[in-house]
N, C-alpha and C. Protein backbone atom coordinates (compact mmCIF):
# COMPACT_ATOMS: atom_id res chain seq x y z
N MET A 1 -6.24 39.85 16.76
CA MET A 1 -5.28 38.58 17.50
C MET A 1 -6.00 37.32 15.97
N LYS A 2 -7.03 37.29 16.21
CA LYS A 2 -7.41 35.87 14.93
C LYS A 2 -7.11 36.11 13.55
N GLU A 3 -6.51 37.47 12.73
CA GLU A 3 -6.26 37.87 11.82
C GLU A 3 -5.08 37.88 11.90
N LEU A 4 -3.82 38.05 12.74
CA LEU A 4 -3.13 37.69 13.36
C LEU A 4 -2.57 36.25 13.32
N ALA A 5 -2.78 35.80 13.95
CA ALA A 5 -2.70 34.15 14.00
C ALA A 5 -2.95 33.75 12.89
N ALA A 6 -4.32 34.16 11.63
CA ALA A 6 -4.19 33.89 10.68
C ALA A 6 -2.99 33.78 9.70
N ASP A 7 -2.60 35.17 9.95
CA ASP A 7 -1.55 35.53 8.91
C ASP A 7 0.07 34.86 9.42
N GLY A 8 -0.21 33.65 10.57
CA GLY A 8 0.86 33.28 10.87
C GLY A 8 1.54 33.95 11.94
N ILE A 9 0.98 34.71 12.55
CA ILE A 9 1.66 35.27 13.83
C ILE A 9 1.56 34.79 15.01
N ALA A 10 2.19 34.22 15.81
CA ALA A 10 1.84 33.22 17.01
C ALA A 10 0.84 34.67 18.08
N VAL A 11 -0.27 33.44 18.45
CA VAL A 11 -0.73 34.59 19.99
C VAL A 11 0.19 35.17 20.75
N ALA A 12 0.77 33.70 21.16
CA ALA A 12 1.96 34.39 22.32
C ALA A 12 2.94 35.40 21.86
N VAL A 13 3.23 35.79 20.73
CA VAL A 13 3.93 36.93 20.48
C VAL A 13 3.23 38.22 20.68
N SER A 14 1.60 38.31 19.89
CA SER A 14 0.67 39.32 19.74
C SER A 14 0.48 39.79 21.32
N CYS A 15 0.12 38.46 22.13
CA CYS A 15 0.20 39.23 23.27
C CYS A 15 1.35 39.56 23.90
N ARG A 16 2.46 38.98 23.99
CA ARG A 16 3.64 39.81 24.59
C ARG A 16 4.27 41.31 23.75
N VAL A 17 3.86 41.43 22.42
CA VAL A 17 3.72 42.51 22.46
C VAL A 17 2.87 43.56 22.41
N LEU A 18 1.45 43.55 22.54
CA LEU A 18 0.48 44.15 22.67
C LEU A 18 0.60 44.60 24.25
N GLU A 19 1.41 43.65 25.04
CA GLU A 19 1.44 43.65 26.69
C GLU A 19 0.05 42.89 27.45
N LEU A 20 -0.09 41.48 26.96
CA LEU A 20 -1.32 41.47 27.27
C LEU A 20 -1.03 40.06 27.65
N SER A 21 -1.43 39.86 28.83
CA SER A 21 -1.59 38.22 29.79
C SER A 21 -2.61 37.13 28.31
N ARG A 22 -1.47 35.66 27.85
CA ARG A 22 -2.70 35.11 27.79
C ARG A 22 -3.81 34.51 28.01
N PRO A 23 -3.29 34.19 29.32
CA PRO A 23 -4.95 33.03 30.09
C PRO A 23 -6.49 34.46 30.15
N PRO A 24 -5.79 35.16 29.88
CA PRO A 24 -6.83 36.63 30.28
C PRO A 24 -7.83 36.68 28.82
N TYR A 25 -6.65 36.98 28.24
CA TYR A 25 -7.43 36.43 26.28
C TYR A 25 -7.97 35.62 26.45
N TYR A 26 -7.58 34.41 26.61
CA TYR A 26 -8.43 33.19 26.11
C TYR A 26 -9.80 33.11 26.93
N ARG A 27 -9.33 33.71 28.08
CA ARG A 27 -11.13 33.52 28.83
C ARG A 27 -11.90 34.93 28.08
N TRP A 28 -11.70 35.82 27.94
CA TRP A 28 -12.19 36.72 27.24
C TRP A 28 -12.65 35.65 25.86
N LEU A 29 -12.27 35.55 25.45
CA LEU A 29 -12.58 34.83 23.90
C LEU A 29 -13.81 33.93 24.08
N THR A 30 -13.99 32.95 25.13
CA THR A 30 -14.50 31.76 25.63
C THR A 30 -16.05 32.46 25.78
N GLU A 31 -15.74 34.18 26.42
CA GLU A 31 -17.13 34.33 27.03
C GLU A 31 -18.14 35.34 25.47
N ALA A 32 -19.32 35.00 26.01
CA ALA A 32 -20.06 35.23 24.68
C ALA A 32 -20.39 36.54 25.57
N VAL A 33 -20.37 37.63 24.48
CA VAL A 33 -20.70 39.06 24.65
C VAL A 33 -22.42 39.55 24.81
N THR A 34 -22.82 39.79 25.76
CA THR A 34 -24.39 39.89 26.46
C THR A 34 -24.72 41.02 25.19
N THR A 35 -26.17 40.92 25.66
CA THR A 35 -26.94 41.87 24.81
C THR A 35 -26.37 43.24 25.01
N SER A 36 -26.17 43.97 26.44
CA SER A 36 -26.76 45.37 26.55
C SER A 36 -25.19 45.55 26.24
N GLU A 37 -24.21 44.38 26.57
CA GLU A 37 -23.01 45.80 26.04
C GLU A 37 -22.98 45.30 24.02
N ARG A 38 -23.51 44.62 23.39
CA ARG A 38 -23.36 45.32 22.00
C ARG A 38 -24.55 46.15 22.10
N THR A 39 -25.27 46.32 22.66
CA THR A 39 -26.15 47.75 22.66
C THR A 39 -25.19 48.93 23.48
N GLU A 40 -24.90 48.47 24.28
CA GLU A 40 -23.69 49.98 24.54
C GLU A 40 -22.85 50.37 23.49
N ALA A 41 -22.25 49.43 22.82
CA ALA A 41 -21.17 49.55 21.81
C ALA A 41 -21.53 49.86 20.26
N ILE A 42 -23.26 49.29 19.80
CA ILE A 42 -23.53 50.00 18.95
C ILE A 42 -23.83 51.62 19.04
N ARG A 43 -24.41 51.90 20.44
CA ARG A 43 -24.41 53.45 20.81
C ARG A 43 -23.61 54.06 19.96
N ALA A 44 -22.37 53.56 21.10
CA ALA A 44 -21.25 54.62 21.06
C ALA A 44 -20.75 54.47 19.75
N ASN A 45 -20.97 53.33 19.06
CA ASN A 45 -20.34 53.94 17.48
C ASN A 45 -21.64 54.71 16.82
N ALA A 46 -22.81 54.77 17.39
CA ALA A 46 -23.75 55.69 16.42
C ALA A 46 -23.35 57.07 17.18
N LEU A 47 -22.81 57.22 18.35
CA LEU A 47 -22.39 58.50 18.63
C LEU A 47 -21.38 59.07 18.55
N PHE A 48 -20.37 58.27 17.99
CA PHE A 48 -19.10 58.65 17.07
C PHE A 48 -19.63 58.85 15.75
N ASP A 49 -20.08 58.26 15.01
CA ASP A 49 -20.44 58.89 13.57
C ASP A 49 -21.18 59.87 13.78
N ALA A 50 -22.01 60.34 14.56
CA ALA A 50 -22.80 61.42 14.48
C ALA A 50 -21.69 62.77 14.51
N HIS A 51 -21.11 62.96 15.16
CA HIS A 51 -20.05 63.75 15.86
C HIS A 51 -18.86 63.64 14.87
N ARG A 52 -18.87 63.11 13.92
CA ARG A 52 -17.23 62.47 12.65
C ARG A 52 -17.23 63.84 12.42
N ASP A 53 -18.29 64.78 11.76
CA ASP A 53 -17.82 65.56 10.84
C ASP A 53 -17.74 66.85 11.79
N ASP A 54 -17.47 66.88 13.61
CA ASP A 54 -17.69 68.39 14.50
C ASP A 54 -16.08 68.50 13.84
N PRO A 55 -15.98 69.54 14.06
CA PRO A 55 -14.36 70.15 13.69
C PRO A 55 -13.74 70.28 15.25
N GLU A 56 -14.56 69.97 16.34
CA GLU A 56 -13.50 69.36 17.47
C GLU A 56 -13.47 68.37 18.22
N PHE A 57 -14.25 67.61 17.36
CA PHE A 57 -13.84 65.51 17.92
C PHE A 57 -13.14 65.39 17.61
N GLY A 58 -12.31 64.82 18.10
CA GLY A 58 -11.01 64.24 17.79
C GLY A 58 -9.89 65.15 18.05
N THR A 59 -10.10 66.41 18.13
CA THR A 59 -8.78 67.30 18.26
C THR A 59 -7.69 67.54 19.74
N ASP A 60 -7.01 67.71 19.57
CA ASP A 60 -5.97 68.06 20.90
C ASP A 60 -7.05 68.94 21.64
N SER A 61 -7.91 69.90 21.26
CA SER A 61 -8.49 70.82 22.05
C SER A 61 -9.63 70.63 22.43
N SER A 62 -10.19 69.24 22.00
CA SER A 62 -11.55 68.76 22.76
C SER A 62 -11.52 68.05 23.86
N PRO A 63 -12.62 69.07 24.67
CA PRO A 63 -12.76 68.79 26.31
C PRO A 63 -12.45 67.17 26.82
N MET A 64 -13.34 66.08 25.61
CA MET A 64 -13.31 64.57 25.95
C MET A 64 -12.17 63.98 25.54
N ARG A 65 -11.07 64.85 25.09
CA ARG A 65 -9.87 63.88 24.51
C ARG A 65 -9.09 64.13 25.61
N PRO A 66 -8.14 63.07 26.34
CA PRO A 66 -7.28 63.40 27.11
C PRO A 66 -6.00 64.01 26.70
N LYS A 67 -5.10 64.95 27.70
CA LYS A 67 -4.00 65.02 27.26
C LYS A 67 -2.78 64.55 27.23
N LEU A 68 -2.28 64.09 26.17
CA LEU A 68 -1.06 63.61 26.56
C LEU A 68 0.39 64.38 26.75
N LEU A 69 1.15 63.30 27.76
CA LEU A 69 2.18 64.24 28.63
C LEU A 69 3.64 64.01 26.93
N ALA A 70 3.53 65.21 27.36
CA ALA A 70 4.85 64.95 26.01
C ALA A 70 6.20 64.59 26.82
N ARG A 71 6.85 63.97 26.34
CA ARG A 71 7.82 63.04 26.91
C ARG A 71 9.22 64.04 26.51
N ALA A 72 10.32 63.69 27.60
CA ALA A 72 11.44 64.29 27.07
C ALA A 72 12.34 63.92 26.96
């Protein structure tokens, strides 16, 4: 959002397009990221990086990836 705002796109417009409510967004901006949240994110990124070359990682046949419903 900050990058979009820097490019001249209003936060209100971005929130509307992304179907986000502005008050929770601004509340989220003011909350500090905890050490445990940061550690969890680093570990998750490390897992994704470690499995990036796995041929089944990120494919539709992966058991970890939810199946998308076909739209009629």
